[in-house]
């Protein structure tokens, strides 16, 4: 049995007698990958050259996703369904196309986000929806039921009033 989000082994009690290091070492490798590894995806070369790009669980376990390539059309990148997590996406693509992240296996289910070119975005998934991790407005790349506009900050303190007196 494995965990849904990161694919970590969950061996049954007593199932790895004298070989417990096999699943434990594999799990630590996956945790290390999830907390610091990256994957580079060139949207102009196989197997990522046609949309939708469906990431495998092995692709999606990485913390950072670097996108490159000269886009001539729009791309949809799909995180596997039921896989929750968070990713730092660095969109270094060029060209006229856009990059949208969603969840699914053929088409996006739930909400999606548009990751702007020349931008880094922190996104997360609950296994059905993709959202920005901050409060971006719809004009900043969120689609569907994406993020909302953040609250206005407090007003700063009023400066001291100058002396009043006679001249």
Foldseek 3Di string as FASTA:
>chain_A
DADQAQRQDDDDPPPQVVNVCVSVVVNVVLVCQQVANEDEEECCDPPNVDAAAEDDSVRVSHQEYEYEYEDPEEYEYAYEAQHKDKHKYAAQYHYDYWYKYAHDDHDHAAWIWTDDHRDIFIWIDNRRGIETPDQDPVVNTTDDPYHHHDDDDDDDDDDDDDDDDDD
